């Protein structure tokens, strides 16, 4: 379990810039998709809140099944503010990749839906989107917040 204080009022653009600074991103071998921004992912929450995030491993799963499977275990998907705040706080997550932000779905100009994820192959690091048109393999982890009762 990973404790994170999320400032939902901070712009997602500022969080992405902080993520790149802390992780020492280099343009030649690292990538952050330019559509990961506040205009595409406004926060549904306000203020600051301490949350607990877990990295959940599921069997091969279609993106549309993520909310249901997480809810069955008492979790919800992280939103991009939570996901990137956790990436800033826990740089060792790079070793756990790929990690999916299940509530980070972006619909492009062609109408295709993509989902936010963190990926690394050891030499390249990537905060990007992957298409929602195929199941995720069982080696993916899903960043999830425990649902309060």
Foldseek 3Di string as FASTA:
>chain_A
DDKFKFALPDWQVVLVVLLCVQVVDDPVFEEEDPCRGCVQFRDPDHGIDIFDKDWAFDAWFQLVCVQVVQVVVQWGFAGSRVVSRRCSVDVCCQVLDFEWRSNQWGQDPVRWIWTWTWHDPPRYTYTDTDGSPGTDHRSYITIITGHDD
